[in-house]
PDB file of N, CA and C in Angstrom:
ATOM      1  N   MET A   1      98.999  99.654 142.610  1.00  0.00           N
ATOM      2  CA  MET A   1      99.466  98.805 141.738  1.00  0.00           C
ATOM      3  C   MET A   1      98.558  97.471 141.738  1.00  0.00           C
ATOM      4  N   ASN A   2      97.668  97.330 142.467  1.00  0.00           N
ATOM      5  CA  ASN A   2      96.596  96.573 142.394  1.00  0.00           C
ATOM      6  C   ASN A   2      95.800  96.735 141.143  1.00  0.00           C
ATOM      7  N   GLU A   3      95.732  97.842 140.720  1.00  0.00           N
ATOM      8  CA  GLU A   3      94.562  98.395 139.325  1.00  0.00           C
ATOM      9  C   GLU A   3      95.366  97.447 138.123  1.00  0.00           C
ATOM     10  N   GLU A   4      97.021  97.678 138.268  1.00  0.00           N
ATOM     11  CA  GLU A   4      97.683  97.374 137.280  1.00  0.00           C
ATOM     12  C   GLU A   4      97.334  96.117 137.079  1.00  0.00           C
ATOM     13  N   LEU A   5      97.832  95.384 138.179  1.00  0.00           N
ATOM     14  CA  LEU A   5      97.081  93.589 138.566  1.00  0.00           C
ATOM     15  C   LEU A   5      96.015  93.098 137.753  1.00  0.00           C
ATOM     16  N   THR A   6      95.175  93.683 138.739  1.00  0.00           N
ATOM     17  CA  THR A   6      93.882  93.630 137.788  1.00  0.00           C
ATOM     18  C   THR A   6      93.664  93.448 136.029  1.00  0.00           C
ATOM     19  N   GLY A   7      94.355  94.445 135.434  1.00  0.00           N
ATOM     20  CA  GLY A   7      94.245  94.875 134.311  1.00  0.00           C
ATOM     21  C   GLY A   7      95.221  94.047 133.531  1.00  0.00           C
ATOM     22  N   ASP A   8      96.274  93.919 134.146  1.00  0.00           N
ATOM     23  CA  ASP A   8      97.359  92.498 133.388  1.00  0.00           C
ATOM     24  C   ASP A   8      96.736  91.257 133.392  1.00  0.00           C
ATOM     25  N   ALA A   9      95.177  90.909 134.647  1.00  0.00           N
ATOM     26  CA  ALA A   9      95.306  89.768 134.879  1.00  0.00           C
ATOM     27  C   ALA A   9      94.029  89.990 134.138  1.00  0.00           C
ATOM     28  N   ALA A  10      93.195  90.328 133.496  1.00  0.00           N
ATOM     29  CA  ALA A  10      92.368  91.169 132.548  1.00  0.00           C
ATOM     30  C   ALA A  10      92.785  90.701 131.407  1.00  0.00           C
ATOM     31  N   ALA A  11      93.877  91.767 130.586  1.00  0.00           N
ATOM     32  CA  ALA A  11      94.621  91.161 129.695  1.00  0.00           C
ATOM     33  C   ALA A  11      94.795  89.923 129.225  1.00  0.00           C
ATOM     34  N   ALA A  12      95.451  89.559 130.356  1.00  0.00           N
ATOM     35  CA  ALA A  12      96.090  88.169 130.068  1.00  0.00           C
ATOM     36  C   ALA A  12      94.838  87.040 130.123  1.00  0.00           C
ATOM     37  N   ALA A  13      93.863  87.233 129.875  1.00  0.00           N
ATOM     38  CA  ALA A  13      92.527  86.711 130.526  1.00  0.00           C
ATOM     39  C   ALA A  13      91.724  86.765 128.881  1.00  0.00           C
ATOM     40  N   ALA A  14      92.251  87.572 128.646  1.00  0.00           N
ATOM     41  CA  ALA A  14      91.674  87.758 127.634  1.00  0.00           C
ATOM     42  C   ALA A  14      92.229  87.220 125.713  1.00  0.00           C
ATOM     43  N   ARG A  15      93.868  88.120 126.340  1.00  0.00           N
ATOM     44  CA  ARG A  15      94.992  87.044 125.337  1.00  0.00           C
ATOM     45  C   ARG A  15      94.676  85.385 125.371  1.00  0.00           C
ATOM     46  N   HIS A  16      94.661  84.838 126.729  1.00  0.00           N
ATOM     47  CA  HIS A  16      94.200  83.488 126.980  1.00  0.00           C
ATOM     48  C   HIS A  16      92.932  83.380 125.937  1.00  0.00           C
ATOM     49  N   ALA A  17      91.996  83.295 126.003  1.00  0.00           N
ATOM     50  CA  ALA A  17      90.812  83.051 125.646  1.00  0.00           C
ATOM     51  C   ALA A  17      90.833  83.559 123.633  1.00  0.00           C
ATOM     52  N   ARG A  18      91.559  84.422 123.295  1.00  0.00           N
ATOM     53  CA  ARG A  18      91.512  84.739 122.369  1.00  0.00           C
ATOM     54  C   ARG A  18      93.050  83.698 121.628  1.00  0.00           C
ATOM     55  N   TYR A  19      94.134  83.730 121.771  1.00  0.00           N
ATOM     56  CA  TYR A  19      95.083  82.752 121.752  1.00  0.00           C
ATOM     57  C   TYR A  19      95.273  81.569 122.779  1.00  0.00           C
ATOM     58  N   GLY A  20      94.358  80.662 123.509  1.00  0.00           N
ATOM     59  CA  GLY A  20      94.967  80.199 124.843  1.00  0.00           C
ATOM     60  C   GLY A  20      95.437  78.356 123.790  1.00  0.00           C
ATOM     61  N   LYS A  21      95.116  78.473 122.615  1.00  0.00           N
ATOM     62  CA  LYS A  21      94.881  77.065 121.698  1.00  0.00           C
ATOM     63  C   LYS A  21      95.438  77.259 120.807  1.00  0.00           C
ATOM     64  N   LEU A  22      95.856  76.391 120.108  1.00  0.00           N
ATOM     65  CA  LEU A  22      96.354  75.931 118.907  1.00  0.00           C
ATOM     66  C   LEU A  22      95.274  75.970 118.008  1.00  0.00           C
ATOM     67  N   PRO A  23      95.454  76.128 116.427  1.00  0.00           N
ATOM     68  CA  PRO A  23      94.242  75.724 115.273  1.00  0.00           C
ATOM     69  C   PRO A  23      94.519  73.960 115.319  1.00  0.00           C
ATOM     70  N   GLU A  24      93.286  73.454 114.868  1.00  0.00           N
ATOM     71  CA  GLU A  24      93.541  72.667 114.624  1.00  0.00           C
ATOM     72  C   GLU A  24      94.136  72.039 113.507  1.00  0.00           C
ATOM     73  N   ARG A  25      94.760  70.881 113.935  1.00  0.00           N
ATOM     74  CA  ARG A  25      95.806  70.089 113.103  1.00  0.00           C
ATOM     75  C   ARG A  25      95.459  70.070 111.471  1.00  0.00           C
ATOM     76  N   ILE A  26      95.976  70.123 110.583  1.00  0.00           N
ATOM     77  CA  ILE A  26      95.764  69.628 108.818  1.00  0.00           C
ATOM     78  C   ILE A  26      96.180  68.592 108.607  1.00  0.00           C
ATOM     79  N   ARG A  27      95.689  67.056 108.170  1.00  0.00           N
ATOM     80  CA  ARG A  27      96.032  66.215 107.423  1.00  0.00           C
ATOM     81  C   ARG A  27      97.130  66.844 106.358  1.00  0.00           C
ATOM     82  N   PHE A  28      98.121  65.617 106.310  1.00  0.00           N
ATOM     83  CA  PHE A  28      99.084  66.229 105.232  1.00  0.00           C
ATOM     84  C   PHE A  28      97.981  65.057 103.565  1.00  0.00           C
ATOM     85  N   GLU A  29      96.665  64.864 103.808  1.00  0.00           N
ATOM     86  CA  GLU A  29      96.617  64.161 102.696  1.00  0.00           C
ATOM     87  C   GLU A  29      95.667  65.673 102.419  1.00  0.00           C
ATOM     88  N   ASP A  30      95.353  66.771 102.978  1.00  0.00           N
ATOM     89  CA  ASP A  30      94.641  67.741 102.979  1.00  0.00           C
ATOM     90  C   ASP A  30      95.128  68.772 102.245  1.00  0.00           C
ATOM     91  N   MET A  31      96.252  68.833 102.308  1.00  0.00           N
ATOM     92  CA  MET A  31      97.524  69.771 102.172  1.00  0.00           C
ATOM     93  C   MET A  31      98.053  69.490 100.087  1.00  0.00           C
ATOM     94  N   THR A  32      97.788  68.494  99.977  1.00  0.00           N
ATOM     95  CA  THR A  32      98.158  67.511  98.879  1.00  0.00           C
ATOM     96  C   THR A  32      97.296  67.492  97.424  1.00  0.00           C
ATOM     97  N   GLU A  33      97.507  67.155  96.343  1.00  0.00           N
ATOM     98  CA  GLU A  33      96.320  67.211  95.229  1.00  0.00           C
ATOM     99  C   GLU A  33      97.085  66.410  94.454  1.00  0.00           C
ATOM    100  N   GLY A  34      96.081  65.316  94.205  1.00  0.00           N
ATOM    101  CA  GLY A  34      97.202  64.491  92.769  1.00  0.00           C
ATOM    102  C   GLY A  34      96.331  64.957  91.966  1.00  0.00           C
ATOM    103  N   VAL A  35      97.027  65.025  90.365  1.00  0.00           N
ATOM    104  CA  VAL A  35      97.121  65.048  89.274  1.00  0.00           C
ATOM    105  C   VAL A  35      97.538  64.305  87.996  1.00  0.00           C
ATOM    106  N   GLU A  36      96.207  63.814  87.260  1.00  0.00           N
ATOM    107  CA  GLU A  36      97.259  63.170  86.743  1.00  0.00           C
ATOM    108  C   GLU A  36      97.894  64.212  85.289  1.00  0.00           C
ATOM    109  N   ALA A  37      98.731  63.133  85.130  1.00  0.00           N
ATOM    110  CA  ALA A  37     100.004  63.912  84.155  1.00  0.00           C
ATOM    111  C   ALA A  37      99.779  63.463  82.381  1.00  0.00           C
ATOM    112  N   GLY A  38      99.327  63.823  81.838  1.00  0.00           N
ATOM    113  CA  GLY A  38      98.581  63.562  80.462  1.00  0.00           C
ATOM    114  C   GLY A  38     100.312  63.586  79.761  1.00  0.00           C
ATOM    115  N   PRO A  39     100.607  62.578  78.779  1.00  0.00           N
ATOM    116  CA  PRO A  39     101.365  62.783  77.829  1.00  0.00           C
ATOM    117  C   PRO A  39     102.071  64.239  77.668  1.00  0.00           C
ATOM    118  N   GLY A  40     102.524  64.743  77.469  1.00  0.00           N
ATOM    119  CA  GLY A  40     103.568  65.984  76.405  1.00  0.00           C
ATOM    120  C   GLY A  40     103.174  65.974  75.478  1.00  0.00           C
ATOM    121  N   ASP A  41     102.938  67.321  74.710  1.00  0.00           N
ATOM    122  CA  ASP A  41     103.597  67.011  72.923  1.00  0.00           C
ATOM    123  C   ASP A  41     104.693  67.673  72.473  1.00  0.00           C
ATOM    124  N   GLY A  42     105.590  67.748  73.591  1.00  0.00           N
ATOM    125  CA  GLY A  42     107.190  68.368  73.270  1.00  0.00           C
ATOM    126  C   GLY A  42     107.348  69.116  72.783  1.00  0.00           C
ATOM    127  N   THR A  43     106.662  70.557  72.455  1.00  0.00           N
ATOM    128  CA  THR A  43     106.549  71.466  71.895  1.00  0.00           C
ATOM    129  C   THR A  43     107.686  72.069  73.223  1.00  0.00           C
ATOM    130  N   ARG A  44     107.085  71.969  74.032  1.00  0.00           N
ATOM    131  CA  ARG A  44     107.836  72.764  75.528  1.00  0.00           C
ATOM    132  C   ARG A  44     109.196  72.116  75.463  1.00  0.00           C
ATOM    133  N   ALA A  45     109.599  70.758  75.449  1.00  0.00           N
ATOM    134  CA  ALA A  45     110.629  70.138  76.190  1.00  0.00           C
ATOM    135  C   ALA A  45     111.248  70.456  74.888  1.00  0.00           C
ATOM    136  N   SER A  46     111.054  70.671  73.294  1.00  0.00           N
ATOM    137  CA  SER A  46     111.822  70.624  72.121  1.00  0.00           C
ATOM    138  C   SER A  46     113.367  71.912  72.572  1.00  0.00           C
ATOM    139  N   TYR A  47     113.998  71.599  71.600  1.00  0.00           N
ATOM    140  CA  TYR A  47     115.316  72.700  71.544  1.00  0.00           C
ATOM    141  C   TYR A  47     114.786  73.639  70.498  1.00  0.00           C
ATOM    142  N   ASP A  48     114.366  74.787  70.113  1.00  0.00           N
ATOM    143  CA  ASP A  48     114.602  75.942  68.730  1.00  0.00           C
ATOM    144  C   ASP A  48     115.629  76.555  69.074  1.00  0.00           C
ATOM    145  N   PRO A  49     116.984  76.790  68.244  1.00  0.00           N
ATOM    146  CA  PRO A  49     118.487  77.104  67.903  1.00  0.00           C
ATOM    147  C   PRO A  49     117.830  78.908  67.587  1.00  0.00           C
ATOM    148  N   ALA A  50     116.559  78.508  66.430  1.00  0.00           N
ATOM    149  CA  ALA A  50     116.251  79.841  66.109  1.00  0.00           C
ATOM    150  C   ALA A  50     115.525  80.833  66.943  1.00  0.00           C
ATOM    151  N   GLY A  51     115.186  80.635  68.378  1.00  0.00           N
ATOM    152  CA  GLY A  51     113.915  81.228  69.446  1.00  0.00           C
ATOM    153  C   GLY A  51     114.655  81.126  70.924  1.00  0.00           C
ATOM    154  N   THR A  52     115.901  80.624  71.116  1.00  0.00           N
ATOM    155  CA  THR A  52     117.421  81.647  71.856  1.00  0.00           C
ATOM    156  C   THR A  52     117.541  82.340  71.723  1.00  0.00           C
ATOM    157  N   TRP A  53     117.457  83.591  70.625  1.00  0.00           N
ATOM    158  CA  TRP A  53     117.652  85.210  71.199  1.00  0.00           C
ATOM    159  C   TRP A  53     116.707  85.533  71.562  1.00  0.00           C
ATOM    160  N   LYS A  54     115.421  84.761  72.567  1.00  0.00           N
ATOM    161  CA  LYS A  54     114.317  85.567  73.144  1.00  0.00           C
ATOM    162  C   LYS A  54     114.588  85.748  74.482  1.00  0.00           C
ATOM    163  N   TYR A  55     115.560  84.432  74.800  1.00  0.00           N
ATOM    164  CA  TYR A  55     115.855  84.181  76.384  1.00  0.00           C
ATOM    165  C   TYR A  55     117.385  84.635  76.713  1.00  0.00           C
ATOM    166  N   TYR A  56     118.096  85.071  75.822  1.00  0.00           N
ATOM    167  CA  TYR A  56     119.236  85.642  75.961  1.00  0.00           C
ATOM    168  C   TYR A  56     119.344  87.177  76.448  1.00  0.00           C
ATOM    169  N   SER A  57     120.133  87.067  77.693  1.00  0.00           N
ATOM    170  CA  SER A  57     120.031  88.468  78.247  1.00  0.00           C
ATOM    171  C   SER A  57     121.320  88.990  77.978  1.00  0.00           C
ATOM    172  N   CYS A  58     121.826  89.612  77.483  1.00  0.00           N
ATOM    173  CA  CYS A  58     123.504  90.517  78.411  1.00  0.00           C
ATOM    174  C   CYS A  58     123.330  91.846  77.916  1.00  0.00           C
ATOM    175  N   LEU A  59     123.978  92.106  79.103  1.00  0.00           N
ATOM    176  CA  LEU A  59     123.688  94.129  79.490  1.00  0.00           C
ATOM    177  C   LEU A  59     124.186  94.612  78.963  1.00  0.00           C
ATOM    178  N   ALA A  60     125.283  94.627  77.947  1.00  0.00           N
ATOM    179  CA  ALA A  60     125.917  95.397  76.966  1.00  0.00           C
ATOM    180  C   ALA A  60     124.712  95.634  75.768  1.00  0.00           C
ATOM    181  N   LEU A  61     124.533  95.048  75.282  1.00  0.00           N
ATOM    182  CA  LEU A  61     123.165  94.852  74.475  1.00  0.00           C
ATOM    183  C   LEU A  61     122.112  95.788  74.566  1.00  0.00           C
ATOM    184  N   ASP A  62     121.669  94.903  75.981  1.00  0.00           N
ATOM    185  CA  ASP A  62     120.302  95.975  76.860  1.00  0.00           C
ATOM    186  C   ASP A  62     120.368  97.348  77.163  1.00  0.00           C
ATOM    187  N   LEU A  63     122.330  98.069  76.787  1.00  0.00           N
ATOM    188  CA  LEU A  63     122.416  99.594  77.220  1.00  0.00           C
ATOM    189  C   LEU A  63     122.376  99.746  75.492  1.00  0.00           C
ATOM    190  N   GLY A  64     122.754  98.979  74.378  1.00  0.00           N
ATOM    191  CA  GLY A  64     123.124  99.639  73.437  1.00  0.00           C
ATOM    192  C   GLY A  64     124.196  99.937  73.003  1.00  0.00           C
ATOM    193  N   LEU A  65     125.548  99.374  73.393  1.00  0.00           N
ATOM    194  CA  LEU A  65     126.483  99.184  73.514  1.00  0.00           C
ATOM    195  C   LEU A  65     127.121  98.224  72.392  1.00  0.00           C
TER     196      LEU A  65
END
């Protein structure tokens, strides 16, 4: 039983050496990036009634019913 304890103690020591402390804290400023937004040309926000069929999804139409 002594051998099991020394094996467990050695495994615990190795585990503590590898995972014993948390990684360094990352600052919030390092996680975010600020990008200037330019004026949009309006093509993405405009409504195109002729092009709406591209985004229409109907199961009956997909199955050809």
